[in-house]
Protein backbone atom coordinates (compact mmCIF):
# COMPACT_ATOMS: atom_id res chain seq x y z
CA MET A 1 -83.76 48.32 49.16
CA SER A 2 -83.65 46.32 45.96
CA SER A 3 -84.31 42.71 45.09
CA CYS A 4 -81.61 40.05 44.79
CA GLU A 5 -81.07 38.92 41.19
CA LEU A 6 -80.59 35.33 42.36
CA CYS A 7 -83.33 34.68 44.92
CA GLY A 8 -85.52 37.78 44.57
CA LYS A 9 -85.31 38.70 48.29
CA GLU A 10 -85.60 42.41 49.14
CA ALA A 11 -82.29 43.38 50.76
CA ASN A 12 -79.19 45.53 50.57
CA LEU A 13 -77.18 44.03 47.73
CA LYS A 14 -73.56 43.26 46.90
CA ILE A 15 -72.11 43.07 43.43
CA THR A 16 -70.83 39.49 43.19
CA ILE A 17 -69.28 37.30 40.50
CA ILE A 18 -71.03 33.91 40.49
CA GLU A 19 -70.08 31.37 37.78
CA ASN A 20 -68.52 34.18 35.67
CA ALA A 21 -71.75 36.23 35.82
CA THR A 22 -71.82 39.59 37.58
CA LEU A 23 -74.94 39.83 39.73
CA LYS A 24 -76.39 42.07 42.42
CA VAL A 25 -77.23 39.67 45.22
CA CYS A 26 -78.14 39.59 48.92
CA ASN A 27 -75.71 38.60 51.69
CA ASN A 28 -77.01 35.04 51.69
CA CYS A 29 -76.53 34.53 47.93
CA SER A 30 -73.13 36.29 47.86
CA LYS A 31 -71.60 33.19 49.50
CA TYR A 32 -71.96 31.40 46.15
CA GLY A 33 -69.44 33.68 44.49
CA LYS A 34 -66.87 36.42 45.03
CA ALA A 35 -68.15 39.78 46.24
CA ILE A 36 -66.39 42.54 44.32
CA TYR A 37 -68.15 45.49 45.90
CA GLN A 38 -68.94 45.23 49.61
CA ASN A 39 -71.05 48.34 50.22
CA PRO A 40 -74.82 48.19 49.79
CA ILE A 41 -76.06 48.63 46.22
CA ASN A 42 -77.99 51.73 47.31
CA ASN A 43 -74.68 53.64 47.38
CA ILE A 44 -74.03 52.64 43.76
CA LYS A 45 -77.46 53.77 42.56
CA LYS A 46 -76.63 57.33 43.64
CA GLN A 47 -73.80 57.42 41.08
CA LYS A 48 -75.54 57.68 37.72
CA ASN A 49 -72.79 56.25 35.50
CA PHE A 50 -70.87 54.12 37.99
CA ARG A 51 -68.53 51.73 36.23
CA HIS A 52 -66.38 49.11 37.92
CA GLN A 53 -63.78 47.14 36.04
CA GLU A 54 -61.92 44.16 37.40
CA PRO A 55 -59.55 42.29 35.10
CA ILE A 56 -60.07 38.56 35.05
CA GLU A 57 -57.00 36.48 34.26
CA GLU A 58 -57.65 33.58 31.90
CA LEU A 59 -55.38 30.84 30.61
CA VAL A 60 -55.04 30.85 26.80
CA GLU A 61 -56.85 27.95 25.12
CA ASP A 62 -53.82 26.41 23.41
CA TYR A 63 -51.55 26.60 26.48
CA ALA A 64 -50.53 22.93 26.13
CA LYS A 65 -49.25 23.33 22.55
CA ILE A 66 -47.43 26.57 23.38
CA ILE A 67 -45.63 25.05 26.37
CA LYS A 68 -44.62 21.90 24.50
CA ALA A 69 -43.45 23.79 21.41
CA LYS A 70 -41.32 26.21 23.44
CA ARG A 71 -39.82 23.40 25.56
CA GLU A 72 -38.90 21.45 22.43
CA LYS A 73 -37.51 24.60 20.78
CA LEU A 74 -35.19 25.02 23.76
CA GLY A 75 -34.10 21.39 23.36
CA LEU A 76 -35.31 20.33 26.80
CA SER A 77 -36.65 16.88 27.58
CA GLN A 78 -39.67 16.68 29.87
CA LYS A 79 -37.39 15.33 32.58
CA ASP A 80 -34.99 18.29 32.27
CA PHE A 81 -37.90 20.72 32.11
CA SER A 82 -39.45 19.30 35.29
CA PHE A 83 -36.07 19.41 37.06
CA LYS A 84 -35.49 23.06 36.13
CA LEU A 85 -38.97 24.04 37.33
CA ASN A 86 -38.74 21.80 40.40
CA GLU A 87 -42.08 20.21 39.48
CA LYS A 88 -43.16 16.61 39.02
CA GLU A 89 -42.57 15.34 35.50
CA SER A 90 -45.99 13.63 35.47
CA ILE A 91 -47.75 16.95 36.19
CA LEU A 92 -45.91 18.75 33.37
CA LEU A 93 -46.67 15.83 31.02
CA LYS A 94 -50.40 16.13 31.80
CA ILE A 95 -50.25 19.89 31.29
CA GLU A 96 -48.55 19.48 27.89
CA ASN A 97 -51.16 16.91 26.87
CA GLY A 98 -53.96 19.24 27.94
CA GLY A 99 -55.09 16.75 30.59
CA ILE A 100 -54.99 19.30 33.39
CA LYS A 101 -54.95 23.07 33.65
CA PRO A 102 -52.08 24.38 35.76
CA ASN A 103 -52.83 26.67 38.68
CA LEU A 104 -51.92 30.34 38.41
CA ASP A 105 -48.67 29.99 40.39
CA LEU A 106 -47.41 27.20 38.12
CA VAL A 107 -48.48 29.10 34.99
CA LYS A 108 -46.43 32.10 36.13
CA LYS A 109 -43.44 29.86 36.87
CA ILE A 110 -43.67 28.27 33.38
CA GLN A 111 -44.12 31.67 31.71
CA LYS A 112 -41.06 33.08 33.42
CA PHE A 113 -38.85 30.09 32.63
CA LEU A 114 -39.93 29.72 28.98
CA ASN A 115 -40.30 33.49 28.41
CA ILE A 116 -43.82 33.10 27.01
CA ASN A 117 -47.25 34.53 27.79
CA LEU A 118 -50.02 32.09 28.74
CA ILE A 119 -52.42 34.48 30.50
CA TYR A 120 -54.69 37.11 29.04
CA LYS A 121 -56.73 39.60 31.00
CA GLU A 122 -60.39 40.02 30.21
CA GLU A 123 -62.15 43.15 31.43
CA SER A 124 -65.48 42.70 33.16
CA SER A 125 -67.58 45.74 33.74
CA ILE A 126 -70.56 46.53 35.86
CA LEU A 127 -72.80 49.47 35.14
CA GLY A 128 -74.69 50.90 38.08
CA ILE A 129 -78.11 51.64 36.64
CA LYS A 130 -81.54 52.11 38.13
CA GLN A 131 -82.83 48.94 39.76
CA LYS A 132 -86.07 47.41 38.56
CA SER A 133 -88.62 46.49 41.17
CA SER A 134 -89.16 42.77 41.62
CA LYS A 135 -92.51 43.12 39.80
CA GLU A 136 -90.89 44.47 36.61
CA GLY A 137 -88.76 41.48 35.68
CA MET A 138 -87.67 37.98 36.46
CA THR A 139 -84.69 37.09 38.60
CA ILE A 140 -82.41 34.13 37.95
CA GLY A 141 -84.11 32.45 40.90
CA ASP A 142 -87.51 32.88 39.22
CA PHE A 143 -86.19 31.31 36.04
CA ILE A 144 -84.73 28.31 37.88
CA LYS A 145 -87.98 27.72 39.82
CA LYS A 146 -90.06 27.49 36.62
């Protein structure tokens, strides 16, 4: 067994994404994120150069400007744009002003209608390497406690 990188507890671990950080955590701490590998970490340690990649979809930073520019280029008013997408005009106005980030479904709907790309995929990788014992280094939980 290895120690959890969040609380330091000795347990079988899961690789979990918590606040955009990839950690090896116990069952109890995995509830704070999204487990991306369900089997115990001991199985991973047996594979010397284990590498797991999971693309993370991110919204481009200047999404609001891109949407507004393309809508205007097509000669659509916000009212017409909202009608064509079957969305509330106030929501699309807030998106164009950068006031809110659209959810993934709405982003895909906007992308398809305007024929633009607003999502980029970022690769996250996890290397399965030898675990340190809890005496060899600090965990995130240790850092927070101090």
